[in-house]
N, C-alpha and C. Protein backbone atom coordinates (compact mmCIF):
# COMPACT_ATOMS: atom_id res chain seq x y z
N MET A 1 193.04 383.50 79.09
CA MET A 1 193.23 383.07 77.69
C MET A 1 193.52 384.33 76.86
N THR A 2 194.56 384.32 75.93
CA THR A 2 194.75 385.48 75.13
C THR A 2 193.60 385.51 74.11
N ALA A 3 193.66 386.73 73.30
CA ALA A 3 192.66 386.99 72.49
C ALA A 3 192.56 385.94 71.30
N LEU A 4 191.47 385.52 70.95
CA LEU A 4 191.36 384.41 69.95
C LEU A 4 190.67 385.00 68.68
N ASN A 5 190.86 384.22 67.55
CA ASN A 5 190.18 384.63 66.35
C ASN A 5 188.93 383.88 66.36
N LEU A 6 187.82 384.37 66.77
CA LEU A 6 186.60 383.77 67.07
C LEU A 6 185.61 384.03 65.75
N ASN A 7 186.07 383.90 64.73
CA ASN A 7 185.21 384.01 63.37
C ASN A 7 184.39 382.85 63.13
N ARG A 8 183.28 383.10 62.61
CA ARG A 8 182.26 382.01 62.34
C ARG A 8 183.02 381.15 61.31
N GLY A 9 182.94 379.94 61.44
CA GLY A 9 183.55 378.98 60.45
C GLY A 9 185.01 378.48 61.01
N ASN A 10 185.57 379.19 61.97
CA ASN A 10 186.84 378.55 62.64
C ASN A 10 186.59 377.47 63.28
N VAL A 11 187.64 376.59 63.41
CA VAL A 11 187.54 375.32 64.07
C VAL A 11 188.47 375.35 65.33
N PHE A 12 188.02 374.71 66.49
CA PHE A 12 189.01 374.77 67.65
C PHE A 12 188.79 373.47 68.22
N TRP A 13 189.71 372.95 68.94
CA TRP A 13 189.79 371.87 69.73
C TRP A 13 189.06 372.25 71.00
N VAL A 14 187.99 371.41 71.49
CA VAL A 14 187.18 371.95 72.57
C VAL A 14 186.99 370.72 73.47
N ASN A 15 187.04 371.06 74.87
CA ASN A 15 186.89 369.99 75.83
C ASN A 15 185.44 369.99 76.10
N LEU A 16 184.69 368.94 75.73
CA LEU A 16 183.21 368.87 75.81
C LEU A 16 182.81 368.30 77.00
N ASP A 17 183.67 367.70 77.91
CA ASP A 17 183.50 367.03 79.08
C ASP A 17 183.29 367.96 80.23
N PRO A 18 182.47 367.79 81.11
CA PRO A 18 181.46 366.69 81.38
C PRO A 18 180.20 366.73 80.42
N THR A 19 179.86 365.65 80.09
CA THR A 19 178.51 365.65 79.38
C THR A 19 177.45 364.71 80.08
N GLN A 20 176.31 364.64 79.46
CA GLN A 20 175.24 363.78 80.09
C GLN A 20 174.61 363.06 78.88
N GLY A 21 174.18 361.76 79.15
CA GLY A 21 173.42 361.08 78.22
C GLY A 21 174.07 360.83 76.84
N SER A 22 173.47 361.20 75.83
CA SER A 22 173.94 361.03 74.52
C SER A 22 174.61 362.22 73.88
N GLU A 23 175.08 363.22 74.67
CA GLU A 23 175.90 364.28 74.18
C GLU A 23 177.18 363.83 73.66
N ILE A 24 177.70 364.48 72.63
CA ILE A 24 179.10 364.06 72.20
C ILE A 24 179.94 364.51 73.21
N ALA A 25 180.96 363.72 73.54
CA ALA A 25 181.90 363.95 74.68
C ALA A 25 183.35 364.20 74.30
N LYS A 26 184.12 364.28 75.15
CA LYS A 26 185.67 364.28 75.13
C LYS A 26 186.21 365.62 74.37
N LEU A 27 187.43 365.50 74.25
CA LEU A 27 188.18 366.52 73.41
C LEU A 27 187.89 366.34 71.95
N ARG A 28 187.34 367.32 71.34
CA ARG A 28 187.13 367.05 69.84
C ARG A 28 186.97 368.40 69.10
N PRO A 29 187.37 368.42 67.69
CA PRO A 29 187.19 369.69 67.06
C PRO A 29 185.71 370.15 67.00
N CYS A 30 185.37 371.46 66.99
CA CYS A 30 184.17 371.94 66.78
C CYS A 30 184.28 373.24 65.99
N VAL A 31 183.28 373.41 65.19
CA VAL A 31 183.25 374.66 64.28
C VAL A 31 182.37 375.76 64.97
N LEU A 32 182.80 376.90 65.01
CA LEU A 32 181.94 377.98 65.49
C LEU A 32 181.00 378.46 64.46
N VAL A 33 179.62 378.51 64.85
CA VAL A 33 178.59 378.77 63.94
C VAL A 33 177.89 379.97 64.42
N GLY A 34 178.13 380.55 65.47
CA GLY A 34 177.50 381.87 65.92
C GLY A 34 178.13 383.00 65.18
N ALA A 35 177.28 384.22 65.15
CA ALA A 35 177.81 385.34 64.56
C ALA A 35 179.09 385.78 65.09
N THR A 36 180.09 386.20 64.44
CA THR A 36 181.38 386.53 64.88
C THR A 36 181.29 387.66 65.81
N PRO A 37 180.37 388.81 65.57
CA PRO A 37 180.42 389.80 66.66
C PRO A 37 179.88 389.43 68.10
N VAL A 38 178.89 388.42 67.88
CA VAL A 38 178.40 387.81 69.19
C VAL A 38 179.30 386.96 69.89
N SER A 39 180.14 386.20 69.06
CA SER A 39 181.22 385.28 69.67
C SER A 39 182.24 386.09 70.35
N ASN A 40 182.66 387.17 69.80
CA ASN A 40 183.63 388.09 70.34
C ASN A 40 183.15 388.91 71.64
N ALA A 41 181.85 389.24 71.67
CA ALA A 41 181.35 390.00 72.75
C ALA A 41 181.00 389.27 73.98
N ARG A 42 180.56 387.95 73.83
CA ARG A 42 180.01 387.19 74.80
C ARG A 42 181.12 386.20 75.56
N ARG A 43 180.84 385.64 76.60
CA ARG A 43 181.73 384.64 77.23
C ARG A 43 181.25 383.34 76.68
N THR A 44 180.31 383.14 76.05
CA THR A 44 180.01 381.91 75.54
C THR A 44 179.88 381.97 73.91
N ILE A 45 180.13 380.83 73.26
CA ILE A 45 180.11 380.71 71.87
C ILE A 45 179.22 379.54 71.44
N VAL A 46 178.67 379.54 70.15
CA VAL A 46 177.83 378.54 69.73
C VAL A 46 178.66 377.65 68.80
N VAL A 47 178.73 376.38 68.93
CA VAL A 47 179.58 375.44 68.19
C VAL A 47 178.73 374.30 67.75
N VAL A 48 179.35 373.54 66.67
CA VAL A 48 178.89 372.27 66.13
C VAL A 48 179.95 371.39 66.26
N PRO A 49 179.94 370.20 67.09
CA PRO A 49 180.94 369.24 67.16
C PRO A 49 181.27 368.63 65.73
N LEU A 50 182.56 368.23 65.58
CA LEU A 50 182.95 367.36 64.39
C LEU A 50 183.40 366.14 64.88
N PHE A 51 183.12 365.10 64.00
CA PHE A 51 183.14 363.73 64.45
C PHE A 51 183.81 362.98 63.24
N THR A 52 184.82 362.05 63.65
CA THR A 52 185.48 361.19 62.62
C THR A 52 184.77 359.92 62.19
N GLY A 53 183.84 359.37 63.05
CA GLY A 53 183.30 358.12 62.96
C GLY A 53 181.91 358.27 62.24
N GLY A 54 181.34 357.12 61.81
CA GLY A 54 179.95 357.23 61.31
C GLY A 54 180.00 357.67 59.83
N LYS A 55 178.61 357.62 59.18
CA LYS A 55 178.46 358.05 57.89
C LYS A 55 177.59 359.34 57.86
N PRO A 56 177.82 360.24 56.92
CA PRO A 56 177.12 361.45 56.71
C PRO A 56 175.66 361.03 56.50
N ARG A 57 174.79 361.63 57.30
CA ARG A 57 173.33 361.61 57.26
C ARG A 57 172.71 362.95 57.18
N PRO A 58 172.95 363.76 56.03
CA PRO A 58 172.32 365.19 56.09
C PRO A 58 170.80 365.05 56.43
N PRO A 59 170.25 366.02 57.13
CA PRO A 59 170.87 367.31 57.48
C PRO A 59 171.55 367.06 58.91
N LEU A 60 171.26 365.99 59.57
CA LEU A 60 171.80 365.86 60.84
C LEU A 60 173.22 365.73 61.04
N ALA A 61 173.86 364.95 60.11
CA ALA A 61 175.33 364.79 60.13
C ALA A 61 175.87 365.10 58.67
N VAL A 62 176.59 366.28 58.57
CA VAL A 62 176.99 366.80 57.32
C VAL A 62 178.43 366.51 56.97
N PRO A 63 178.95 365.99 55.83
CA PRO A 63 180.22 365.78 55.61
C PRO A 63 181.05 367.13 55.37
N VAL A 64 182.18 367.34 55.99
CA VAL A 64 182.98 368.42 55.74
C VAL A 64 184.48 368.05 55.84
N GLN A 65 185.42 368.95 55.27
CA GLN A 65 186.75 368.65 55.43
C GLN A 65 187.37 369.57 56.47
N CYS A 66 188.17 368.84 57.24
CA CYS A 66 188.80 369.59 58.38
C CYS A 66 190.12 368.86 58.83
N LEU A 67 191.11 369.52 59.22
CA LEU A 67 192.37 368.91 59.74
C LEU A 67 192.94 367.95 58.75
N GLY A 68 192.75 368.12 57.37
CA GLY A 68 193.15 367.43 56.23
C GLY A 68 192.55 366.03 56.10
N LYS A 69 191.32 365.87 56.74
CA LYS A 69 190.56 364.69 56.41
C LYS A 69 189.04 365.03 56.37
N LYS A 70 188.40 364.01 55.94
CA LYS A 70 186.78 364.20 55.87
C LYS A 70 186.40 363.69 57.32
N VAL A 71 185.45 364.80 57.81
CA VAL A 71 184.82 364.52 59.12
C VAL A 71 183.33 364.89 58.98
N ILE A 72 182.58 364.69 59.99
CA ILE A 72 181.07 364.89 60.08
C ILE A 72 180.81 366.05 61.04
N ALA A 73 180.11 367.01 60.59
CA ALA A 73 179.54 368.10 61.34
C ALA A 73 178.22 367.56 61.91
N VAL A 74 178.17 367.42 63.26
CA VAL A 74 176.95 366.81 63.85
C VAL A 74 176.04 367.97 64.14
N CYS A 75 175.18 368.38 63.27
CA CYS A 75 174.30 369.61 63.24
C CYS A 75 173.31 369.41 64.45
N ASP A 76 172.80 368.40 64.83
CA ASP A 76 171.81 368.29 65.86
C ASP A 76 172.32 368.26 67.18
N GLN A 77 173.71 368.42 67.39
CA GLN A 77 174.45 368.54 68.53
C GLN A 77 174.87 369.96 68.87
N ILE A 78 174.35 370.99 68.18
CA ILE A 78 174.65 372.40 68.33
C ILE A 78 174.59 372.73 69.84
N ARG A 79 175.46 373.45 70.33
CA ARG A 79 175.52 373.79 71.76
C ARG A 79 176.40 375.04 71.86
N ALA A 80 175.93 375.82 73.01
CA ALA A 80 176.42 377.01 73.51
C ALA A 80 177.60 376.50 74.50
N ILE A 81 178.95 376.93 74.55
CA ILE A 81 179.89 376.50 75.35
C ILE A 81 180.61 377.84 75.94
N ASP A 82 181.12 377.73 77.04
CA ASP A 82 181.98 378.78 77.73
C ASP A 82 183.26 378.80 76.90
N LYS A 83 183.76 379.97 76.72
CA LYS A 83 185.11 379.94 76.05
C LYS A 83 186.33 379.34 76.72
N THR A 84 186.04 379.04 78.02
CA THR A 84 187.17 378.26 78.76
C THR A 84 187.26 376.79 78.25
N ARG A 85 186.19 376.46 77.52
CA ARG A 85 186.28 374.92 76.96
C ARG A 85 187.34 374.98 75.77
N LEU A 86 187.62 376.15 75.18
CA LEU A 86 188.46 376.16 74.01
C LEU A 86 189.84 375.77 74.40
N VAL A 87 190.54 374.78 73.72
CA VAL A 87 191.82 374.35 74.01
C VAL A 87 192.86 374.91 73.05
N LYS A 88 192.66 374.81 71.61
CA LYS A 88 193.58 375.47 70.61
C LYS A 88 192.84 375.57 69.40
N PRO A 89 193.33 376.43 68.62
CA PRO A 89 192.77 376.50 67.12
C PRO A 89 193.07 375.39 66.49
N ALA A 90 192.25 375.01 65.37
CA ALA A 90 192.38 373.80 64.60
C ALA A 90 191.96 374.20 63.01
N GLY A 91 192.12 375.47 62.66
CA GLY A 91 191.83 375.90 61.31
C GLY A 91 190.55 376.35 61.13
N SER A 92 189.98 376.19 60.03
CA SER A 92 188.62 376.74 59.57
C SER A 92 188.10 375.83 58.48
N LEU A 93 186.74 375.95 58.39
CA LEU A 93 186.02 375.36 57.28
C LEU A 93 186.10 376.18 56.01
N SER A 94 186.01 375.48 54.87
CA SER A 94 185.96 376.14 53.63
C SER A 94 184.63 376.91 53.62
N SER A 95 184.32 377.93 52.61
CA SER A 95 183.10 378.49 52.50
C SER A 95 182.02 377.56 52.12
N ASP A 96 182.35 376.61 51.17
CA ASP A 96 181.45 375.49 50.78
C ASP A 96 180.99 374.71 51.94
N ASP A 97 181.93 374.23 52.81
CA ASP A 97 181.68 373.37 53.90
C ASP A 97 180.71 374.08 54.97
N LEU A 98 181.07 375.30 55.18
CA LEU A 98 180.35 376.17 56.14
C LEU A 98 178.95 376.43 55.70
N ALA A 99 178.77 376.32 54.35
CA ALA A 99 177.40 376.58 53.78
C ALA A 99 176.66 375.35 53.97
N ALA A 100 177.44 374.12 53.82
CA ALA A 100 176.71 372.82 54.00
C ALA A 100 176.24 372.70 55.50
N VAL A 101 177.01 373.26 56.42
CA VAL A 101 176.69 373.23 57.79
C VAL A 101 175.48 374.01 58.01
N ASP A 102 175.48 375.25 57.57
CA ASP A 102 174.50 376.24 57.60
C ASP A 102 173.24 375.58 57.08
N ASN A 103 173.12 374.80 56.03
CA ASN A 103 171.92 374.23 55.47
C ASN A 103 171.44 373.10 56.49
N GLY A 104 172.41 372.39 56.89
CA GLY A 104 172.07 371.31 57.98
C GLY A 104 171.31 371.97 59.20
N LEU A 105 171.98 373.08 59.73
CA LEU A 105 171.44 373.81 60.88
C LEU A 105 169.98 374.29 60.51
N ARG A 106 169.86 374.98 59.38
CA ARG A 106 168.62 375.50 58.98
C ARG A 106 167.52 374.43 59.17
N GLN A 107 167.85 373.01 58.54
CA GLN A 107 166.78 371.96 58.57
C GLN A 107 166.68 371.44 59.88
N VAL A 108 167.69 371.31 60.76
CA VAL A 108 167.59 370.73 62.10
C VAL A 108 166.79 371.74 62.90
N LEU A 109 166.90 373.14 62.78
CA LEU A 109 166.28 374.04 63.54
C LEU A 109 164.92 374.62 62.97
N SER A 110 164.59 374.02 61.83
CA SER A 110 163.33 374.46 61.01
C SER A 110 163.34 376.00 60.88
N LEU A 111 164.48 376.40 60.30
CA LEU A 111 164.58 377.87 60.05
C LEU A 111 164.39 378.19 58.60
């Protein structure tokens, strides 16, 4: 894979399969939430999946704007993935939306 722009807040289409149980599955956009230097240095990255169905239920499911529509960042589904799961770039979250995801993550992780 060629060099990617792995900045915190960037969104990529990610192949999340295979999964188990209640994990979010299939090809879907995910926002990078790990620190940019760590994402660029490691073979894995930390992401939060984005979902088009359902209703926002902060802090678990935070509303954000991505790909020209309202979606839900599912903060309790945070996961580390191998970079080989990245399919293609899909834009980035606004600073306000990334701050909302950060707030959701702080609450979900009790930080």
